PDB file of all heavy atoms in Angstrom:
ATOM      1  N   ARG A   1      39.714  -0.902 -13.274  1.00  0.00           N
ATOM      2  CA  ARG A   1      39.058  -1.971 -14.067  1.00  0.00           C
ATOM      3  C   ARG A   1      37.621  -2.229 -13.682  1.00  0.00           C
ATOM      4  O   ARG A   1      37.312  -2.300 -12.490  1.00  0.00           O
ATOM      5  CB  ARG A   1      39.820  -3.298 -14.017  1.00  0.00           C
ATOM      6  CG  ARG A   1      39.372  -4.358 -14.925  1.00  0.00           C
ATOM      7  CD  ARG A   1      40.190  -5.650 -14.865  1.00  0.00           C
ATOM      8  NE  ARG A   1      41.615  -5.298 -15.274  1.00  0.00           N
ATOM      9  CZ  ARG A   1      42.560  -6.148 -15.087  1.00  0.00           C
ATOM     10  NH1 ARG A   1      42.354  -7.359 -14.578  1.00  0.00           N
ATOM     11  NH2 ARG A   1      43.773  -5.779 -15.452  1.00  0.00           N
ATOM     12  N   LYS A   2      36.784  -2.275 -14.674  1.00  0.00           N
ATOM     13  CA  LYS A   2      35.390  -2.687 -14.502  1.00  0.00           C
ATOM     14  C   LYS A   2      35.168  -3.802 -15.459  1.00  0.00           C
ATOM     15  O   LYS A   2      35.810  -3.976 -16.418  1.00  0.00           O
ATOM     16  CB  LYS A   2      34.490  -1.448 -14.755  1.00  0.00           C
ATOM     17  CG  LYS A   2      34.709  -0.221 -13.883  1.00  0.00           C
ATOM     18  CD  LYS A   2      34.330  -0.519 -12.447  1.00  0.00           C
ATOM     19  CE  LYS A   2      34.581   0.776 -11.557  1.00  0.00           C
ATOM     20  NZ  LYS A   2      34.252   0.462 -10.180  1.00  0.00           N
ATOM     21  N   GLU A   3      34.110  -4.566 -15.086  1.00  0.00           N
ATOM     22  CA  GLU A   3      33.824  -5.729 -15.997  1.00  0.00           C
ATOM     23  C   GLU A   3      33.452  -5.362 -17.386  1.00  0.00           C
ATOM     24  O   GLU A   3      33.804  -6.029 -18.370  1.00  0.00           O
ATOM     25  CB  GLU A   3      32.679  -6.482 -15.375  1.00  0.00           C
ATOM     26  CG  GLU A   3      33.051  -7.208 -14.033  1.00  0.00           C
ATOM     27  CD  GLU A   3      31.953  -8.098 -13.513  1.00  0.00           C
ATOM     28  OE1 GLU A   3      30.868  -8.124 -14.208  1.00  0.00           O
ATOM     29  OE2 GLU A   3      32.122  -8.783 -12.490  1.00  0.00           O
ATOM     30  N   HIS A   4      32.839  -4.198 -17.551  1.00  0.00           N
ATOM     31  CA  HIS A   4      32.356  -3.822 -18.943  1.00  0.00           C
ATOM     32  C   HIS A   4      33.401  -2.906 -19.632  1.00  0.00           C
ATOM     33  O   HIS A   4      33.095  -2.423 -20.745  1.00  0.00           O
ATOM     34  CB  HIS A   4      31.005  -3.075 -18.831  1.00  0.00           C
ATOM     35  CG  HIS A   4      31.013  -1.871 -17.997  1.00  0.00           C
ATOM     36  ND1 HIS A   4      31.015  -1.921 -16.617  1.00  0.00           N
ATOM     37  CD2 HIS A   4      31.173  -0.565 -18.424  1.00  0.00           C
ATOM     38  CE1 HIS A   4      30.982  -0.674 -16.147  1.00  0.00           C
ATOM     39  NE2 HIS A   4      31.071   0.198 -17.213  1.00  0.00           N
ATOM     40  N   TRP A   5      34.557  -2.679 -19.009  1.00  0.00           N
ATOM     41  CA  TRP A   5      35.554  -1.933 -19.701  1.00  0.00           C
ATOM     42  C   TRP A   5      36.511  -2.780 -20.447  1.00  0.00           C
ATOM     43  O   TRP A   5      37.142  -3.689 -19.880  1.00  0.00           O
ATOM     44  CB  TRP A   5      36.347  -1.050 -18.649  1.00  0.00           C
ATOM     45  CG  TRP A   5      35.588   0.091 -18.130  1.00  0.00           C
ATOM     46  CD1 TRP A   5      34.255   0.353 -18.287  1.00  0.00           C
ATOM     47  CD2 TRP A   5      36.128   1.115 -17.292  1.00  0.00           C
ATOM     48  NE1 TRP A   5      33.939   1.512 -17.653  1.00  0.00           N
ATOM     49  CE2 TRP A   5      35.057   2.025 -17.025  1.00  0.00           C
ATOM     50  CE3 TRP A   5      37.406   1.390 -16.839  1.00  0.00           C
ATOM     51  CZ2 TRP A   5      35.236   3.215 -16.318  1.00  0.00           C
ATOM     52  CZ3 TRP A   5      37.546   2.628 -15.986  1.00  0.00           C
ATOM     53  CH2 TRP A   5      36.436   3.446 -15.733  1.00  0.00           C
ATOM     54  N   MET A   6      36.685  -2.499 -21.773  1.00  0.00           N
ATOM     55  CA  MET A   6      37.513  -3.367 -22.575  1.00  0.00           C
ATOM     56  C   MET A   6      37.940  -2.576 -23.771  1.00  0.00           C
ATOM     57  O   MET A   6      37.142  -1.991 -24.422  1.00  0.00           O
ATOM     58  CB  MET A   6      36.898  -4.625 -22.963  1.00  0.00           C
ATOM     59  CG  MET A   6      37.821  -5.568 -23.773  1.00  0.00           C
ATOM     60  SD  MET A   6      37.124  -7.095 -24.229  1.00  0.00           S
ATOM     61  CE  MET A   6      35.758  -6.608 -25.284  1.00  0.00           C
ATOM     62  N   VAL A   7      39.246  -2.529 -24.062  1.00  0.00           N
ATOM     63  CA  VAL A   7      39.727  -1.769 -25.293  1.00  0.00           C
ATOM     64  C   VAL A   7      40.140  -2.889 -26.247  1.00  0.00           C
ATOM     65  O   VAL A   7      41.142  -3.609 -26.031  1.00  0.00           O
ATOM     66  CB  VAL A   7      40.952  -0.903 -24.938  1.00  0.00           C
ATOM     67  CG1 VAL A   7      41.483  -0.238 -26.212  1.00  0.00           C
ATOM     68  CG2 VAL A   7      40.562   0.120 -23.872  1.00  0.00           C
ATOM     69  N   HIS A   8      39.346  -3.100 -27.265  1.00  0.00           N
ATOM     70  CA  HIS A   8      39.622  -4.193 -28.238  1.00  0.00           C
ATOM     71  C   HIS A   8      39.499  -3.637 -29.648  1.00  0.00           C
ATOM     72  O   HIS A   8      38.505  -3.067 -30.071  1.00  0.00           O
ATOM     73  CB  HIS A   8      38.483  -5.226 -27.951  1.00  0.00           C
ATOM     74  CG  HIS A   8      38.613  -6.449 -28.941  1.00  0.00           C
ATOM     75  ND1 HIS A   8      39.315  -7.513 -28.447  1.00  0.00           N
ATOM     76  CD2 HIS A   8      38.275  -6.714 -30.142  1.00  0.00           C
ATOM     77  CE1 HIS A   8      39.341  -8.535 -29.417  1.00  0.00           C
ATOM     78  NE2 HIS A   8      38.617  -8.002 -30.438  1.00  0.00           N
ATOM     79  N   ILE A   9      40.643  -3.768 -30.416  1.00  0.00           N
ATOM     80  CA  ILE A   9      40.674  -3.255 -31.754  1.00  0.00           C
ATOM     81  C   ILE A   9      40.918  -4.463 -32.664  1.00  0.00           C
ATOM     82  O   ILE A   9      41.911  -5.146 -32.634  1.00  0.00           O
ATOM     83  CB  ILE A   9      41.770  -2.172 -31.986  1.00  0.00           C
ATOM     84  CG1 ILE A   9      41.575  -1.035 -31.025  1.00  0.00           C
ATOM     85  CG2 ILE A   9      41.773  -1.694 -33.436  1.00  0.00           C
ATOM     86  CD1 ILE A   9      42.694  -0.042 -31.033  1.00  0.00           C
ATOM     87  N   THR A  10      39.908  -4.790 -33.576  1.00  0.00           N
ATOM     88  CA  THR A  10      40.069  -5.886 -34.421  1.00  0.00           C
ATOM     89  C   THR A  10      40.923  -5.525 -35.570  1.00  0.00           C
ATOM     90  O   THR A  10      41.176  -4.381 -35.930  1.00  0.00           O
ATOM     91  CB  THR A  10      38.686  -6.365 -34.999  1.00  0.00           C
ATOM     92  OG1 THR A  10      38.088  -5.192 -35.740  1.00  0.00           O
ATOM     93  CG2 THR A  10      37.754  -6.722 -33.820  1.00  0.00           C
ATOM     94  N   GLY A  11      41.501  -6.585 -36.218  1.00  0.00           N
ATOM     95  CA  GLY A  11      42.388  -6.418 -37.369  1.00  0.00           C
ATOM     96  C   GLY A  11      41.834  -5.584 -38.450  1.00  0.00           C
ATOM     97  O   GLY A  11      42.526  -4.689 -38.978  1.00  0.00           O
ATOM     98  N   LYS A  12      40.603  -5.798 -38.836  1.00  0.00           N
ATOM     99  CA  LYS A  12      40.033  -5.202 -40.120  1.00  0.00           C
ATOM    100  C   LYS A  12      39.841  -3.659 -39.807  1.00  0.00           C
ATOM    101  O   LYS A  12      40.160  -2.860 -40.623  1.00  0.00           O
ATOM    102  CB  LYS A  12      38.740  -5.858 -40.448  1.00  0.00           C
ATOM    103  CG  LYS A  12      38.166  -5.277 -41.739  1.00  0.00           C
ATOM    104  CD  LYS A  12      37.221  -6.282 -42.413  1.00  0.00           C
ATOM    105  CE  LYS A  12      37.901  -7.496 -42.926  1.00  0.00           C
ATOM    106  NZ  LYS A  12      37.042  -8.403 -43.720  1.00  0.00           N
ATOM    107  N   TRP A  13      39.304  -3.399 -38.620  1.00  0.00           N
ATOM    108  CA  TRP A  13      39.113  -1.926 -38.305  1.00  0.00           C
ATOM    109  C   TRP A  13      40.364  -1.210 -38.095  1.00  0.00           C
ATOM    110  O   TRP A  13      40.540  -0.027 -38.418  1.00  0.00           O
ATOM    111  CB  TRP A  13      38.236  -1.854 -37.049  1.00  0.00           C
ATOM    112  CG  TRP A  13      36.787  -1.682 -37.400  1.00  0.00           C
ATOM    113  CD1 TRP A  13      35.783  -2.699 -37.219  1.00  0.00           C
ATOM    114  CD2 TRP A  13      36.074  -0.662 -38.046  1.00  0.00           C
ATOM    115  NE1 TRP A  13      34.530  -2.285 -37.712  1.00  0.00           N
ATOM    116  CE2 TRP A  13      34.726  -0.936 -38.231  1.00  0.00           C
ATOM    117  CE3 TRP A  13      36.528   0.644 -38.561  1.00  0.00           C
ATOM    118  CZ2 TRP A  13      33.790  -0.142 -38.742  1.00  0.00           C
ATOM    119  CZ3 TRP A  13      35.625   1.510 -39.154  1.00  0.00           C
ATOM    120  CH2 TRP A  13      34.292   1.076 -39.254  1.00  0.00           C
ATOM    121  N   PHE A  14      41.412  -1.939 -37.591  1.00  0.00           N
ATOM    122  CA  PHE A  14      42.716  -1.311 -37.420  1.00  0.00           C
ATOM    123  C   PHE A  14      43.307  -0.981 -38.847  1.00  0.00           C
ATOM    124  O   PHE A  14      43.803   0.154 -39.009  1.00  0.00           O
ATOM    125  CB  PHE A  14      43.654  -2.224 -36.717  1.00  0.00           C
ATOM    126  CG  PHE A  14      45.054  -1.763 -36.496  1.00  0.00           C
ATOM    127  CD1 PHE A  14      45.498  -0.868 -35.623  1.00  0.00           C
ATOM    128  CD2 PHE A  14      46.082  -2.128 -37.498  1.00  0.00           C
ATOM    129  CE1 PHE A  14      46.782  -0.362 -35.482  1.00  0.00           C
ATOM    130  CE2 PHE A  14      47.336  -1.672 -37.371  1.00  0.00           C
ATOM    131  CZ  PHE A  14      47.703  -0.741 -36.396  1.00  0.00           C
ATOM    132  N   ASN A  15      43.220  -1.848 -39.747  1.00  0.00           N
ATOM    133  CA  ASN A  15      43.713  -1.717 -41.154  1.00  0.00           C
ATOM    134  C   ASN A  15      42.993  -0.606 -41.810  1.00  0.00           C
ATOM    135  O   ASN A  15      43.589   0.304 -42.471  1.00  0.00           O
ATOM    136  CB  ASN A  15      43.613  -3.019 -41.879  1.00  0.00           C
ATOM    137  CG  ASN A  15      44.499  -4.081 -41.336  1.00  0.00           C
ATOM    138  OD1 ASN A  15      45.529  -3.855 -40.788  1.00  0.00           O
ATOM    139  ND2 ASN A  15      44.124  -5.322 -41.459  1.00  0.00           N
ATOM    140  N   TYR A  16      41.643  -0.595 -41.789  1.00  0.00           N
ATOM    141  CA  TYR A  16      40.929   0.412 -42.495  1.00  0.00           C
ATOM    142  C   TYR A  16      40.989   1.784 -41.776  1.00  0.00           C
ATOM    143  O   TYR A  16      40.777   2.750 -42.375  1.00  0.00           O
ATOM    144  CB  TYR A  16      39.495  -0.015 -42.675  1.00  0.00           C
ATOM    145  CG  TYR A  16      39.365  -1.049 -43.796  1.00  0.00           C
ATOM    146  CD1 TYR A  16      38.632  -2.277 -43.542  1.00  0.00           C
ATOM    147  CD2 TYR A  16      39.932  -0.874 -45.053  1.00  0.00           C
ATOM    148  CE1 TYR A  16      38.525  -3.238 -44.537  1.00  0.00           C
ATOM    149  CE2 TYR A  16      39.810  -1.792 -46.023  1.00  0.00           C
ATOM    150  CZ  TYR A  16      39.105  -2.978 -45.749  1.00  0.00           C
ATOM    151  OH  TYR A  16      39.044  -3.911 -46.723  1.00  0.00           O
ATOM    152  N   GLY A  17      41.270   1.781 -40.494  1.00  0.00           N
ATOM    153  CA  GLY A  17      41.532   3.029 -39.825  1.00  0.00           C
ATOM    154  C   GLY A  17      42.767   3.680 -40.354  1.00  0.00           C
ATOM    155  O   GLY A  17      42.796   4.980 -40.465  1.00  0.00           O
ATOM    156  N   ILE A  18      43.792   2.944 -40.679  1.00  0.00           N
ATOM    157  CA  ILE A  18      44.964   3.543 -41.268  1.00  0.00           C
ATOM    158  C   ILE A  18      44.622   4.097 -42.640  1.00  0.00           C
ATOM    159  O   ILE A  18      45.152   5.139 -43.045  1.00  0.00           O
ATOM    160  CB  ILE A  18      46.059   2.461 -41.411  1.00  0.00           C
ATOM    161  CG1 ILE A  18      46.599   2.051 -39.953  1.00  0.00           C
ATOM    162  CG2 ILE A  18      47.252   2.923 -42.206  1.00  0.00           C
ATOM    163  CD1 ILE A  18      47.588   0.905 -39.907  1.00  0.00           C
ATOM    164  N   LEU A  19      43.850   3.344 -43.389  1.00  0.00           N
ATOM    165  CA  LEU A  19      43.421   3.859 -44.680  1.00  0.00           C
ATOM    166  C   LEU A  19      42.695   5.108 -44.623  1.00  0.00           C
ATOM    167  O   LEU A  19      42.877   6.090 -45.504  1.00  0.00           O
ATOM    168  CB  LEU A  19      42.490   2.800 -45.387  1.00  0.00           C
ATOM    169  CG  LEU A  19      41.964   3.140 -46.846  1.00  0.00           C
ATOM    170  CD1 LEU A  19      43.119   3.419 -47.758  1.00  0.00           C
ATOM    171  CD2 LEU A  19      41.103   2.083 -47.307  1.00  0.00           C
ATOM    172  N   LEU A  20      41.910   5.323 -43.574  1.00  0.00           N
ATOM    173  CA  LEU A  20      41.202   6.568 -43.393  1.00  0.00           C
ATOM    174  C   LEU A  20      42.145   7.797 -43.139  1.00  0.00           C
ATOM    175  O   LEU A  20      41.847   8.960 -43.525  1.00  0.00           O
ATOM    176  CB  LEU A  20      40.120   6.440 -42.269  1.00  0.00           C
ATOM    177  CG  LEU A  20      38.890   5.634 -42.641  1.00  0.00           C
ATOM    178  CD1 LEU A  20      38.104   5.420 -41.326  1.00  0.00           C
ATOM    179  CD2 LEU A  20      38.060   6.256 -43.624  1.00  0.00           C
ATOM    180  N   MET A  21      43.200   7.475 -42.432  1.00  0.00           N
ATOM    181  CA  MET A  21      44.167   8.486 -42.219  1.00  0.00           C
ATOM    182  C   MET A  21      44.838   8.959 -43.507  1.00  0.00           C
ATOM    183  O   MET A  21      45.135  10.098 -43.801  1.00  0.00           O
ATOM    184  CB  MET A  21      45.318   7.950 -41.310  1.00  0.00           C
ATOM    185  CG  MET A  21      44.834   7.572 -39.855  1.00  0.00           C
ATOM    186  SD  MET A  21      44.096   8.903 -38.963  1.00  0.00           S
ATOM    187  CE  MET A  21      42.289   8.429 -39.102  1.00  0.00           C
ATOM    188  N   VAL A  22      45.074   7.927 -44.381  1.00  0.00           N
ATOM    189  CA  VAL A  22      45.612   8.250 -45.734  1.00  0.00           C
ATOM    190  C   VAL A  22      44.691   9.019 -46.597  1.00  0.00           C
ATOM    191  O   VAL A  22      45.075   9.897 -47.287  1.00  0.00           O
ATOM    192  CB  VAL A  22      46.013   6.934 -46.446  1.00  0.00           C
ATOM    193  CG1 VAL A  22      46.454   7.178 -47.906  1.00  0.00           C
ATOM    194  CG2 VAL A  22      47.043   6.078 -45.680  1.00  0.00           C
ATOM    195  N   MET A  23      43.394   8.713 -46.372  1.00  0.00           N
ATOM    196  CA  MET A  23      42.341   9.492 -47.094  1.00  0.00           C
ATOM    197  C   MET A  23      42.392  10.981 -46.696  1.00  0.00           C
ATOM    198  O   MET A  23      42.222  11.827 -47.578  1.00  0.00           O
ATOM    199  CB  MET A  23      40.972   8.937 -46.783  1.00  0.00           C
ATOM    200  CG  MET A  23      40.672   7.636 -47.523  1.00  0.00           C
ATOM    201  SD  MET A  23      38.909   7.114 -47.144  1.00  0.00           S
ATOM    202  CE  MET A  23      38.887   5.557 -48.001  1.00  0.00           C
ATOM    203  N   LEU A  24      42.671  11.312 -45.434  1.00  0.00           N
ATOM    204  CA  LEU A  24      42.818  12.766 -45.062  1.00  0.00           C
ATOM    205  C   LEU A  24      43.966  13.393 -45.878  1.00  0.00           C
ATOM    206  O   LEU A  24      43.823  14.596 -46.236  1.00  0.00           O
ATOM    207  CB  LEU A  24      43.020  12.837 -43.577  1.00  0.00           C
ATOM    208  CG  LEU A  24      41.808  12.406 -42.696  1.00  0.00           C
ATOM    209  CD1 LEU A  24      42.207  12.477 -41.192  1.00  0.00           C
ATOM    210  CD2 LEU A  24      40.586  13.278 -42.924  1.00  0.00           C
ATOM    211  N   LEU A  25      45.142  12.658 -45.923  1.00  0.00           N
ATOM    212  CA  LEU A  25      46.191  13.249 -46.617  1.00  0.00           C
ATOM    213  C   LEU A  25      45.891  13.420 -48.133  1.00  0.00           C
ATOM    214  O   LEU A  25      46.211  14.376 -48.750  1.00  0.00           O
ATOM    215  CB  LEU A  25      47.491  12.434 -46.503  1.00  0.00           C
ATOM    216  CG  LEU A  25      47.984  12.359 -45.051  1.00  0.00           C
ATOM    217  CD1 LEU A  25      49.153  11.322 -44.980  1.00  0.00           C
ATOM    218  CD2 LEU A  25      48.504  13.690 -44.613  1.00  0.00           C
ATOM    219  N   ASP A  26      45.212  12.365 -48.738  1.00  0.00           N
ATOM    220  CA  ASP A  26      44.759  12.445 -50.056  1.00  0.00           C
ATOM    221  C   ASP A  26      43.828  13.589 -50.355  1.00  0.00           C
ATOM    222  O   ASP A  26      43.767  14.191 -51.352  1.00  0.00           O
ATOM    223  CB  ASP A  26      44.237  11.105 -50.555  1.00  0.00           C
ATOM    224  CG  ASP A  26      45.270  10.029 -50.618  1.00  0.00           C
ATOM    225  OD1 ASP A  26      46.447  10.332 -50.663  1.00  0.00           O
ATOM    226  OD2 ASP A  26      44.889   8.788 -50.553  1.00  0.00           O
ATOM    227  N   LEU A  27      42.895  13.747 -49.393  1.00  0.00           N
ATOM    228  CA  LEU A  27      41.920  14.837 -49.490  1.00  0.00           C
ATOM    229  C   LEU A  27      42.644  16.249 -49.482  1.00  0.00           C
ATOM    230  O   LEU A  27      42.203  17.132 -50.156  1.00  0.00           O
ATOM    231  CB  LEU A  27      40.916  14.786 -48.376  1.00  0.00           C
ATOM    232  CG  LEU A  27      39.675  15.670 -48.384  1.00  0.00           C
ATOM    233  CD1 LEU A  27      38.910  15.439 -49.645  1.00  0.00           C
ATOM    234  CD2 LEU A  27      38.827  15.589 -47.176  1.00  0.00           C
ATOM    235  N   ASN A  28      43.646  16.351 -48.663  1.00  0.00           N
ATOM    236  CA  ASN A  28      44.397  17.612 -48.668  1.00  0.00           C
ATOM    237  C   ASN A  28      45.162  17.776 -49.921  1.00  0.00           C
ATOM    238  O   ASN A  28      45.205  18.960 -50.505  1.00  0.00           O
ATOM    239  CB  ASN A  28      45.417  17.543 -47.471  1.00  0.00           C
ATOM    240  CG  ASN A  28      46.321  18.848 -47.503  1.00  0.00           C
ATOM    241  OD1 ASN A  28      45.769  19.978 -47.152  1.00  0.00           O
ATOM    242  ND2 ASN A  28      47.523  18.722 -47.698  1.00  0.00           N
ATOM    243  N   MET A  29      45.659  16.722 -50.537  1.00  0.00           N
ATOM    244  CA  MET A  29      46.268  16.824 -51.891  1.00  0.00           C
ATOM    245  C   MET A  29      45.298  17.243 -52.940  1.00  0.00           C
ATOM    246  O   MET A  29      45.590  18.056 -53.729  1.00  0.00           O
ATOM    247  CB  MET A  29      46.892  15.434 -52.251  1.00  0.00           C
ATOM    248  CG  MET A  29      47.593  15.399 -53.550  1.00  0.00           C
ATOM    249  SD  MET A  29      49.134  16.292 -53.608  1.00  0.00           S
ATOM    250  CE  MET A  29      50.204  15.167 -52.701  1.00  0.00           C
TER     251      MET A  29
END
């Protein structure tokens, strides 16, 4: 651990990150 180390995922980016995964499948389609 370091003071400037932090893994923080906000709700909106988590949700739209899933949408981007779906976009990859839709792009393959």
